[in-house]
PDB file of N, CA and C in Angstrom:
ATOM      1  N   MET A   1      -2.666  25.189  27.709  1.00  0.00           N
ATOM      2  CA  MET A   1      -2.131  25.143  29.047  1.00  0.00           C
ATOM      3  C   MET A   1      -0.616  25.013  28.949  1.00  0.00           C
ATOM      4  N   ASN A   2       0.095  25.792  29.749  1.00  0.00           N
ATOM      5  CA  ASN A   2       1.545  25.683  29.792  1.00  0.00           C
ATOM      6  C   ASN A   2       1.974  25.095  31.141  1.00  0.00           C
ATOM      7  N   LYS A   3       3.271  24.994  31.360  1.00  0.00           N
ATOM      8  CA  LYS A   3       3.774  24.355  32.580  1.00  0.00           C
ATOM      9  C   LYS A   3       3.352  25.117  33.833  1.00  0.00           C
ATOM     10  N   ASN A   4       3.326  26.444  33.779  1.00  0.00           N
ATOM     11  CA  ASN A   4       2.889  27.228  34.941  1.00  0.00           C
ATOM     12  C   ASN A   4       1.422  26.962  35.263  1.00  0.00           C
ATOM     13  N   ASP A   5       0.589  26.869  34.226  1.00  0.00           N
ATOM     14  CA  ASP A   5      -0.824  26.565  34.433  1.00  0.00           C
ATOM     15  C   ASP A   5      -0.990  25.180  35.045  1.00  0.00           C
ATOM     16  N   LEU A   6      -0.214  24.210  34.565  1.00  0.00           N
ATOM     17  CA  LEU A   6      -0.273  22.858  35.105  1.00  0.00           C
ATOM     18  C   LEU A   6       0.147  22.848  36.570  1.00  0.00           C
ATOM     19  N   SER A   7       1.194  23.584  36.898  1.00  0.00           N
ATOM     20  CA  SER A   7       1.650  23.677  38.280  1.00  0.00           C
ATOM     21  C   SER A   7       0.567  24.276  39.175  1.00  0.00           C
ATOM     22  N   ALA A   8      -0.156  25.274  38.671  1.00  0.00           N
ATOM     23  CA  ALA A   8      -1.243  25.887  39.430  1.00  0.00           C
ATOM     24  C   ALA A   8      -2.373  24.891  39.681  1.00  0.00           C
ATOM     25  N   VAL A   9      -2.692  24.072  38.679  1.00  0.00           N
ATOM     26  CA  VAL A   9      -3.732  23.050  38.843  1.00  0.00           C
ATOM     27  C   VAL A   9      -3.301  22.027  39.895  1.00  0.00           C
ATOM     28  N   VAL A  10      -2.039  21.589  39.832  1.00  0.00           N
ATOM     29  CA  VAL A  10      -1.523  20.640  40.823  1.00  0.00           C
ATOM     30  C   VAL A  10      -1.589  21.254  42.215  1.00  0.00           C
ATOM     31  N   ALA A  11      -1.218  22.509  42.342  1.00  0.00           N
ATOM     32  CA  ALA A  11      -1.262  23.181  43.638  1.00  0.00           C
ATOM     33  C   ALA A  11      -2.688  23.235  44.176  1.00  0.00           C
ATOM     34  N   ASN A  12      -3.649  23.572  43.323  1.00  0.00           N
ATOM     35  CA  ASN A  12      -5.052  23.662  43.754  1.00  0.00           C
ATOM     36  C   ASN A  12      -5.619  22.302  44.149  1.00  0.00           C
ATOM     37  N   LYS A  13      -5.262  21.255  43.414  1.00  0.00           N
ATOM     38  CA  LYS A  13      -5.837  19.933  43.685  1.00  0.00           C
ATOM     39  C   LYS A  13      -5.178  19.221  44.855  1.00  0.00           C
ATOM     40  N   THR A  14      -3.920  19.573  45.170  1.00  0.00           N
ATOM     41  CA  THR A  14      -3.199  18.857  46.224  1.00  0.00           C
ATOM     42  C   THR A  14      -3.024  19.657  47.500  1.00  0.00           C
ATOM     43  N   GLY A  15      -3.239  20.962  47.435  1.00  0.00           N
ATOM     44  CA  GLY A  15      -3.007  21.792  48.607  1.00  0.00           C
ATOM     45  C   GLY A  15      -1.549  22.174  48.786  1.00  0.00           C
ATOM     46  N   LEU A  16      -0.707  21.819  47.832  1.00  0.00           N
ATOM     47  CA  LEU A  16       0.701  22.215  47.888  1.00  0.00           C
ATOM     48  C   LEU A  16       0.818  23.696  47.544  1.00  0.00           C
ATOM     49  N   SER A  17       1.927  24.300  47.957  1.00  0.00           N
ATOM     50  CA  SER A  17       2.188  25.671  47.526  1.00  0.00           C
ATOM     51  C   SER A  17       2.508  25.634  46.038  1.00  0.00           C
ATOM     52  N   LYS A  18       2.389  26.786  45.377  1.00  0.00           N
ATOM     53  CA  LYS A  18       2.683  26.826  43.938  1.00  0.00           C
ATOM     54  C   LYS A  18       4.137  26.459  43.670  1.00  0.00           C
ATOM     55  N   GLY A  19       5.034  26.866  44.560  1.00  0.00           N
ATOM     56  CA  GLY A  19       6.449  26.528  44.393  1.00  0.00           C
ATOM     57  C   GLY A  19       6.693  25.041  44.490  1.00  0.00           C
ATOM     58  N   ASP A  20       6.061  24.389  45.504  1.00  0.00           N
ATOM     59  CA  ASP A  20       6.217  22.948  45.656  1.00  0.00           C
ATOM     60  C   ASP A  20       5.571  22.195  44.497  1.00  0.00           C
ATOM     61  N   ALA A  21       4.430  22.683  44.030  1.00  0.00           N
ATOM     62  CA  ALA A  21       3.765  22.050  42.896  1.00  0.00           C
ATOM     63  C   ALA A  21       4.629  22.173  41.638  1.00  0.00           C
ATOM     64  N   ALA A  22       5.257  23.322  41.451  1.00  0.00           N
ATOM     65  CA  ALA A  22       6.135  23.515  40.289  1.00  0.00           C
ATOM     66  C   ALA A  22       7.319  22.564  40.368  1.00  0.00           C
ATOM     67  N   LYS A  23       7.870  22.365  41.570  1.00  0.00           N
ATOM     68  CA  LYS A  23       8.975  21.417  41.739  1.00  0.00           C
ATOM     69  C   LYS A  23       8.521  19.996  41.418  1.00  0.00           C
ATOM     70  N   ALA A  24       7.299  19.645  41.837  1.00  0.00           N
ATOM     71  CA  ALA A  24       6.767  18.310  41.577  1.00  0.00           C
ATOM     72  C   ALA A  24       6.572  18.089  40.078  1.00  0.00           C
ATOM     73  N   VAL A  25       6.029  19.079  39.390  1.00  0.00           N
ATOM     74  CA  VAL A  25       5.825  18.958  37.940  1.00  0.00           C
ATOM     75  C   VAL A  25       7.175  18.847  37.237  1.00  0.00           C
ATOM     76  N   ASP A  26       8.141  19.675  37.632  1.00  0.00           N
ATOM     77  CA  ASP A  26       9.479  19.609  37.032  1.00  0.00           C
ATOM     78  C   ASP A  26      10.124  18.251  37.260  1.00  0.00           C
ATOM     79  N   ALA A  27       9.986  17.716  38.481  1.00  0.00           N
ATOM     80  CA  ALA A  27      10.575  16.414  38.799  1.00  0.00           C
ATOM     81  C   ALA A  27       9.938  15.306  37.965  1.00  0.00           C
ATOM     82  N   MET A  28       8.624  15.374  37.773  1.00  0.00           N
ATOM     83  CA  MET A  28       7.926  14.370  36.982  1.00  0.00           C
ATOM     84  C   MET A  28       8.387  14.431  35.522  1.00  0.00           C
ATOM     85  N   LEU A  29       8.474  15.634  34.985  1.00  0.00           N
ATOM     86  CA  LEU A  29       8.905  15.780  33.592  1.00  0.00           C
ATOM     87  C   LEU A  29      10.356  15.345  33.415  1.00  0.00           C
ATOM     88  N   ASP A  30      11.215  15.674  34.383  1.00  0.00           N
ATOM     89  CA  ASP A  30      12.612  15.221  34.328  1.00  0.00           C
ATOM     90  C   ASP A  30      12.688  13.701  34.350  1.00  0.00           C
ATOM     91  N   GLY A  31      11.847  13.068  35.179  1.00  0.00           N
ATOM     92  CA  GLY A  31      11.818  11.613  35.250  1.00  0.00           C
ATOM     93  C   GLY A  31      11.397  10.985  33.937  1.00  0.00           C
ATOM     94  N   VAL A  32      10.418  11.590  33.281  1.00  0.00           N
ATOM     95  CA  VAL A  32       9.965  11.084  31.980  1.00  0.00           C
ATOM     96  C   VAL A  32      11.096  11.182  30.962  1.00  0.00           C
ATOM     97  N   VAL A  33      11.764  12.327  30.913  1.00  0.00           N
ATOM     98  CA  VAL A  33      12.855  12.527  29.952  1.00  0.00           C
ATOM     99  C   VAL A  33      13.997  11.541  30.216  1.00  0.00           C
ATOM    100  N   GLU A  34      14.384  11.389  31.469  1.00  0.00           N
ATOM    101  CA  GLU A  34      15.479  10.476  31.804  1.00  0.00           C
ATOM    102  C   GLU A  34      15.146   9.040  31.427  1.00  0.00           C
ATOM    103  N   SER A  35      13.913   8.618  31.675  1.00  0.00           N
ATOM    104  CA  SER A  35      13.504   7.260  31.320  1.00  0.00           C
ATOM    105  C   SER A  35      13.514   7.052  29.817  1.00  0.00           C
ATOM    106  N   LEU A  36      13.023   8.031  29.073  1.00  0.00           N
ATOM    107  CA  LEU A  36      13.022   7.913  27.616  1.00  0.00           C
ATOM    108  C   LEU A  36      14.441   7.890  27.066  1.00  0.00           C
ATOM    109  N   GLN A  37      15.357   8.660  27.670  1.00  0.00           N
ATOM    110  CA  GLN A  37      16.749   8.640  27.232  1.00  0.00           C
ATOM    111  C   GLN A  37      17.378   7.267  27.431  1.00  0.00           C
ATOM    112  N   LYS A  38      16.923   6.534  28.437  1.00  0.00           N
ATOM    113  CA  LYS A  38      17.433   5.190  28.708  1.00  0.00           C
ATOM    114  C   LYS A  38      16.754   4.144  27.828  1.00  0.00           C
ATOM    115  N   GLY A  39      15.749   4.558  27.065  1.00  0.00           N
ATOM    116  CA  GLY A  39      15.028   3.626  26.206  1.00  0.00           C
ATOM    117  C   GLY A  39      13.888   2.926  26.916  1.00  0.00           C
ATOM    118  N   GLU A  40      13.504   3.418  28.087  1.00  0.00           N
ATOM    119  CA  GLU A  40      12.423   2.804  28.855  1.00  0.00           C
ATOM    120  C   GLU A  40      11.076   3.397  28.448  1.00  0.00           C
ATOM    121  N   GLU A  41      10.014   2.619  28.662  1.00  0.00           N
ATOM    122  CA  GLU A  41       8.647   3.086  28.458  1.00  0.00           C
ATOM    123  C   GLU A  41       8.105   3.592  29.778  1.00  0.00           C
ATOM    124  N   ILE A  42       7.261   4.594  29.727  1.00  0.00           N
ATOM    125  CA  ILE A  42       6.572   5.080  30.917  1.00  0.00           C
ATOM    126  C   ILE A  42       5.095   4.800  30.707  1.00  0.00           C
ATOM    127  N   ARG A  43       4.546   3.897  31.524  1.00  0.00           N
ATOM    128  CA  ARG A  43       3.134   3.530  31.413  1.00  0.00           C
ATOM    129  C   ARG A  43       2.378   4.118  32.582  1.00  0.00           C
ATOM    130  N   LEU A  44       1.460   5.008  32.293  1.00  0.00           N
ATOM    131  CA  LEU A  44       0.593   5.600  33.301  1.00  0.00           C
ATOM    132  C   LEU A  44      -0.798   5.038  33.040  1.00  0.00           C
ATOM    133  N   VAL A  45      -1.179   4.036  33.818  1.00  0.00           N
ATOM    134  CA  VAL A  45      -2.425   3.306  33.586  1.00  0.00           C
ATOM    135  C   VAL A  45      -3.593   4.285  33.565  1.00  0.00           C
ATOM    136  N   GLY A  46      -4.393   4.192  32.524  1.00  0.00           N
ATOM    137  CA  GLY A  46      -5.546   5.049  32.355  1.00  0.00           C
ATOM    138  C   GLY A  46      -5.220   6.352  31.640  1.00  0.00           C
ATOM    139  N   PHE A  47      -3.968   6.754  31.627  1.00  0.00           N
ATOM    140  CA  PHE A  47      -3.582   7.996  30.960  1.00  0.00           C
ATOM    141  C   PHE A  47      -2.943   7.711  29.613  1.00  0.00           C
ATOM    142  N   GLY A  48      -1.863   6.938  29.621  1.00  0.00           N
ATOM    143  CA  GLY A  48      -1.215   6.614  28.363  1.00  0.00           C
ATOM    144  C   GLY A  48       0.202   6.128  28.553  1.00  0.00           C
ATOM    145  N   THR A  49       0.877   5.902  27.448  1.00  0.00           N
ATOM    146  CA  THR A  49       2.235   5.371  27.456  1.00  0.00           C
ATOM    147  C   THR A  49       3.151   6.282  26.644  1.00  0.00           C
ATOM    148  N   PHE A  50       4.246   6.675  27.276  1.00  0.00           N
ATOM    149  CA  PHE A  50       5.298   7.428  26.601  1.00  0.00           C
ATOM    150  C   PHE A  50       6.384   6.446  26.207  1.00  0.00           C
ATOM    151  N   SER A  51       6.911   6.590  25.011  1.00  0.00           N
ATOM    152  CA  SER A  51       8.022   5.750  24.581  1.00  0.00           C
ATOM    153  C   SER A  51       8.893   6.541  23.604  1.00  0.00           C
ATOM    154  N   ALA A  52      10.048   5.996  23.326  1.00  0.00           N
ATOM    155  CA  ALA A  52      10.942   6.608  22.345  1.00  0.00           C
ATOM    156  C   ALA A  52      11.213   5.553  21.274  1.00  0.00           C
ATOM    157  N   TYR A  53      11.266   5.989  20.038  1.00  0.00           N
ATOM    158  CA  TYR A  53      11.589   5.039  18.984  1.00  0.00           C
ATOM    159  C   TYR A  53      12.603   5.665  18.032  1.00  0.00           C
ATOM    160  N   HIS A  54      13.290   4.802  17.324  1.00  0.00           N
ATOM    161  CA  HIS A  54      14.334   5.234  16.401  1.00  0.00           C
ATOM    162  C   HIS A  54      13.718   5.490  15.035  1.00  0.00           C
ATOM    163  N   ARG A  55      13.848   6.730  14.584  1.00  0.00           N
ATOM    164  CA  ARG A  55      13.386   7.079  13.237  1.00  0.00           C
ATOM    165  C   ARG A  55      14.580   6.955  12.308  1.00  0.00           C
ATOM    166  N   ALA A  56      14.459   6.195  11.269  1.00  0.00           N
ATOM    167  CA  ALA A  56      15.558   5.941  10.331  1.00  0.00           C
ATOM    168  C   ALA A  56      15.859   7.181   9.489  1.00  0.00           C
ATOM    169  N   THR A  57      17.033   7.181   8.906  1.00  0.00           N
ATOM    170  CA  THR A  57      17.421   8.229   7.974  1.00  0.00           C
ATOM    171  C   THR A  57      16.471   8.200   6.781  1.00  0.00           C
ATOM    172  N   SER A  58      16.077   9.377   6.308  1.00  0.00           N
ATOM    173  CA  SER A  58      15.179   9.433   5.159  1.00  0.00           C
ATOM    174  C   SER A  58      15.582  10.581   4.247  1.00  0.00           C
ATOM    175  N   GLN A  59      15.007  10.571   3.072  1.00  0.00           N
ATOM    176  CA  GLN A  59      15.273  11.629   2.106  1.00  0.00           C
ATOM    177  C   GLN A  59      14.111  12.609   2.113  1.00  0.00           C
ATOM    178  N   GLY A  60      14.436  13.876   1.969  1.00  0.00           N
ATOM    179  CA  GLY A  60      13.424  14.918   1.902  1.00  0.00           C
ATOM    180  C   GLY A  60      13.835  15.955   0.877  1.00  0.00           C
ATOM    181  N   ARG A  61      13.058  17.017   0.785  1.00  0.00           N
ATOM    182  CA  ARG A  61      13.367  18.098  -0.149  1.00  0.00           C
ATOM    183  C   ARG A  61      13.288  19.424   0.586  1.00  0.00           C
ATOM    184  N   ASN A  62      14.234  20.309   0.284  1.00  0.00           N
ATOM    185  CA  ASN A  62      14.190  21.660   0.806  1.00  0.00           C
ATOM    186  C   ASN A  62      13.050  22.369   0.086  1.00  0.00           C
ATOM    187  N   PRO A  63      12.030  22.849   0.802  1.00  0.00           N
ATOM    188  CA  PRO A  63      10.874  23.439   0.129  1.00  0.00           C
ATOM    189  C   PRO A  63      11.200  24.726  -0.635  1.00  0.00           C
ATOM    190  N   ARG A  64      12.248  25.413  -0.247  1.00  0.00           N
ATOM    191  CA  ARG A  64      12.610  26.655  -0.945  1.00  0.00           C
ATOM    192  C   ARG A  64      13.334  26.398  -2.258  1.00  0.00           C
ATOM    193  N   THR A  65      14.260  25.444  -2.226  1.00  0.00           N
ATOM    194  CA  THR A  65      15.102  25.221  -3.406  1.00  0.00           C
ATOM    195  C   THR A  65      14.742  23.966  -4.183  1.00  0.00           C
ATOM    196  N   GLY A  66      14.031  23.042  -3.552  1.00  0.00           N
ATOM    197  CA  GLY A  66      13.714  21.777  -4.194  1.00  0.00           C
ATOM    198  C   GLY A  66      14.867  20.791  -4.153  1.00  0.00           C
ATOM    199  N   GLN A  67      15.973  21.200  -3.524  1.00  0.00           N
ATOM    200  CA  GLN A  67      17.156  20.337  -3.445  1.00  0.00           C
ATOM    201  C   GLN A  67      16.896  19.159  -2.503  1.00  0.00           C
ATOM    202  N   ALA A  68      17.364  17.976  -2.894  1.00  0.00           N
ATOM    203  CA  ALA A  68      17.220  16.786  -2.060  1.00  0.00           C
ATOM    204  C   ALA A  68      18.139  16.919  -0.849  1.00  0.00           C
ATOM    205  N   ILE A  69      17.604  16.551   0.314  1.00  0.00           N
ATOM    206  CA  ILE A  69      18.403  16.578   1.535  1.00  0.00           C
ATOM    207  C   ILE A  69      18.213  15.266   2.268  1.00  0.00           C
ATOM    208  N   THR A  70      19.184  14.928   3.102  1.00  0.00           N
ATOM    209  CA  THR A  70      19.086  13.736   3.926  1.00  0.00           C
ATOM    210  C   THR A  70      18.656  14.158   5.323  1.00  0.00           C
ATOM    211  N   ILE A  71      17.578  13.566   5.788  1.00  0.00           N
ATOM    212  CA  ILE A  71      17.099  13.822   7.145  1.00  0.00           C
ATOM    213  C   ILE A  71      17.739  12.760   8.024  1.00  0.00           C
ATOM    214  N   PRO A  72      18.556  13.185   9.011  1.00  0.00           N
ATOM    215  CA  PRO A  72      19.308  12.207   9.804  1.00  0.00           C
ATOM    216  C   PRO A  72      18.412  11.349  10.696  1.00  0.00           C
ATOM    217  N   ALA A  73      18.916  10.182  11.035  1.00  0.00           N
ATOM    218  CA  ALA A  73      18.220   9.304  11.976  1.00  0.00           C
ATOM    219  C   ALA A  73      18.172   9.994  13.330  1.00  0.00           C
ATOM    220  N   ALA A  74      17.133   9.704  14.097  1.00  0.00           N
ATOM    221  CA  ALA A  74      16.987  10.333  15.405  1.00  0.00           C
ATOM    222  C   ALA A  74      16.080   9.494  16.292  1.00  0.00           C
ATOM    223  N   MET A  75      16.234   9.681  17.580  1.00  0.00           N
ATOM    224  CA  MET A  75      15.291   9.116  18.542  1.00  0.00           C
ATOM    225  C   MET A  75      14.193  10.155  18.738  1.00  0.00           C
ATOM    226  N   VAL A  76      12.939   9.740  18.629  1.00  0.00           N
ATOM    227  CA  VAL A  76      11.823  10.673  18.756  1.00  0.00           C
ATOM    228  C   VAL A  76      10.819  10.140  19.782  1.00  0.00           C
ATOM    229  N   PRO A  77      10.184  11.048  20.533  1.00  0.00           N
ATOM    230  CA  PRO A  77       9.204  10.611  21.527  1.00  0.00           C
ATOM    231  C   PRO A  77       7.873  10.250  20.873  1.00  0.00           C
ATOM    232  N   LYS A  78       7.152   9.362  21.540  1.00  0.00           N
ATOM    233  CA  LYS A  78       5.848   8.922  21.051  1.00  0.00           C
ATOM    234  C   LYS A  78       4.933   8.792  22.260  1.00  0.00           C
ATOM    235  N   PHE A  79       3.658   9.144  22.094  1.00  0.00           N
ATOM    236  CA  PHE A  79       2.670   9.005  23.161  1.00  0.00           C
ATOM    237  C   PHE A  79       1.453   8.308  22.618  1.00  0.00           C
ATOM    238  N   LYS A  80       0.998   7.285  23.347  1.00  0.00           N
ATOM    239  CA  LYS A  80      -0.230   6.590  22.979  1.00  0.00           C
ATOM    240  C   LYS A  80      -1.216   6.760  24.123  1.00  0.00           C
ATOM    241  N   ALA A  81      -2.337   7.378  23.854  1.00  0.00           N
ATOM    242  CA  ALA A  81      -3.337   7.641  24.885  1.00  0.00           C
ATOM    243  C   ALA A  81      -3.951   6.344  25.396  1.00  0.00           C
ATOM    244  N   GLY A  82      -4.225   6.316  26.692  1.00  0.00           N
ATOM    245  CA  GLY A  82      -4.863   5.162  27.319  1.00  0.00           C
ATOM    246  C   GLY A  82      -6.372   5.197  27.143  1.00  0.00           C
ATOM    247  N   LYS A  83      -7.005   4.104  27.475  1.00  0.00           N
ATOM    248  CA  LYS A  83      -8.447   3.961  27.293  1.00  0.00           C
ATOM    249  C   LYS A  83      -9.228   4.998  28.098  1.00  0.00           C
ATOM    250  N   ALA A  84      -8.854   5.194  29.361  1.00  0.00           N
ATOM    251  CA  ALA A  84      -9.596   6.149  30.206  1.00  0.00           C
ATOM    252  C   ALA A  84      -9.481   7.574  29.677  1.00  0.00           C
ATOM    253  N   LEU A  85      -8.308   7.939  29.175  1.00  0.00           N
ATOM    254  CA  LEU A  85      -8.136   9.284  28.617  1.00  0.00           C
ATOM    255  C   LEU A  85      -8.983   9.450  27.359  1.00  0.00           C
ATOM    256  N   LYS A  86      -8.991   8.444  26.508  1.00  0.00           N
ATOM    257  CA  LYS A  86      -9.801   8.503  25.298  1.00  0.00           C
ATOM    258  C   LYS A  86     -11.277   8.638  25.647  1.00  0.00           C
ATOM    259  N   GLU A  87     -11.729   7.861  26.627  1.00  0.00           N
ATOM    260  CA  GLU A  87     -13.131   7.900  27.025  1.00  0.00           C
ATOM    261  C   GLU A  87     -13.489   9.242  27.649  1.00  0.00           C
ATOM    262  N   ALA A  88     -12.575   9.837  28.398  1.00  0.00           N
ATOM    263  CA  ALA A  88     -12.829  11.129  29.030  1.00  0.00           C
ATOM    264  C   ALA A  88     -13.023  12.233  27.991  1.00  0.00           C
ATOM    265  N   LEU A  89     -12.399  12.067  26.830  1.00  0.00           N
ATOM    266  CA  LEU A  89     -12.506  13.090  25.794  1.00  0.00           C
ATOM    267  C   LEU A  89     -13.719  12.900  24.904  1.00  0.00           C
ATOM    268  N   ASN A  90     -14.340  11.744  24.956  1.00  0.00           N
ATOM    269  CA  ASN A  90     -15.477  11.482  24.071  1.00  0.00           C
ATOM    270  C   ASN A  90     -16.761  11.404  24.805  1.00  0.00           C
TER     271      ASN A  90
END
């Protein structure tokens, strides 16, 4: 499923037009990104928790040359599924 498919599902379930549903999906995703950039957690009860964590600098190898490289530190997103989502899949 891609963003257009998700927007279509939102439109069908809410009765919104596809354009309004696409705006709603975009606004929700923008809100998630902005919150993660601020270092905040997004908890959607029953669905899961989005968070960002700091990955430290590490050493790796270039697979083509075998040369050692430094992988820079970065903030990376993390998602932990909630209980209801896990149960829905099993």
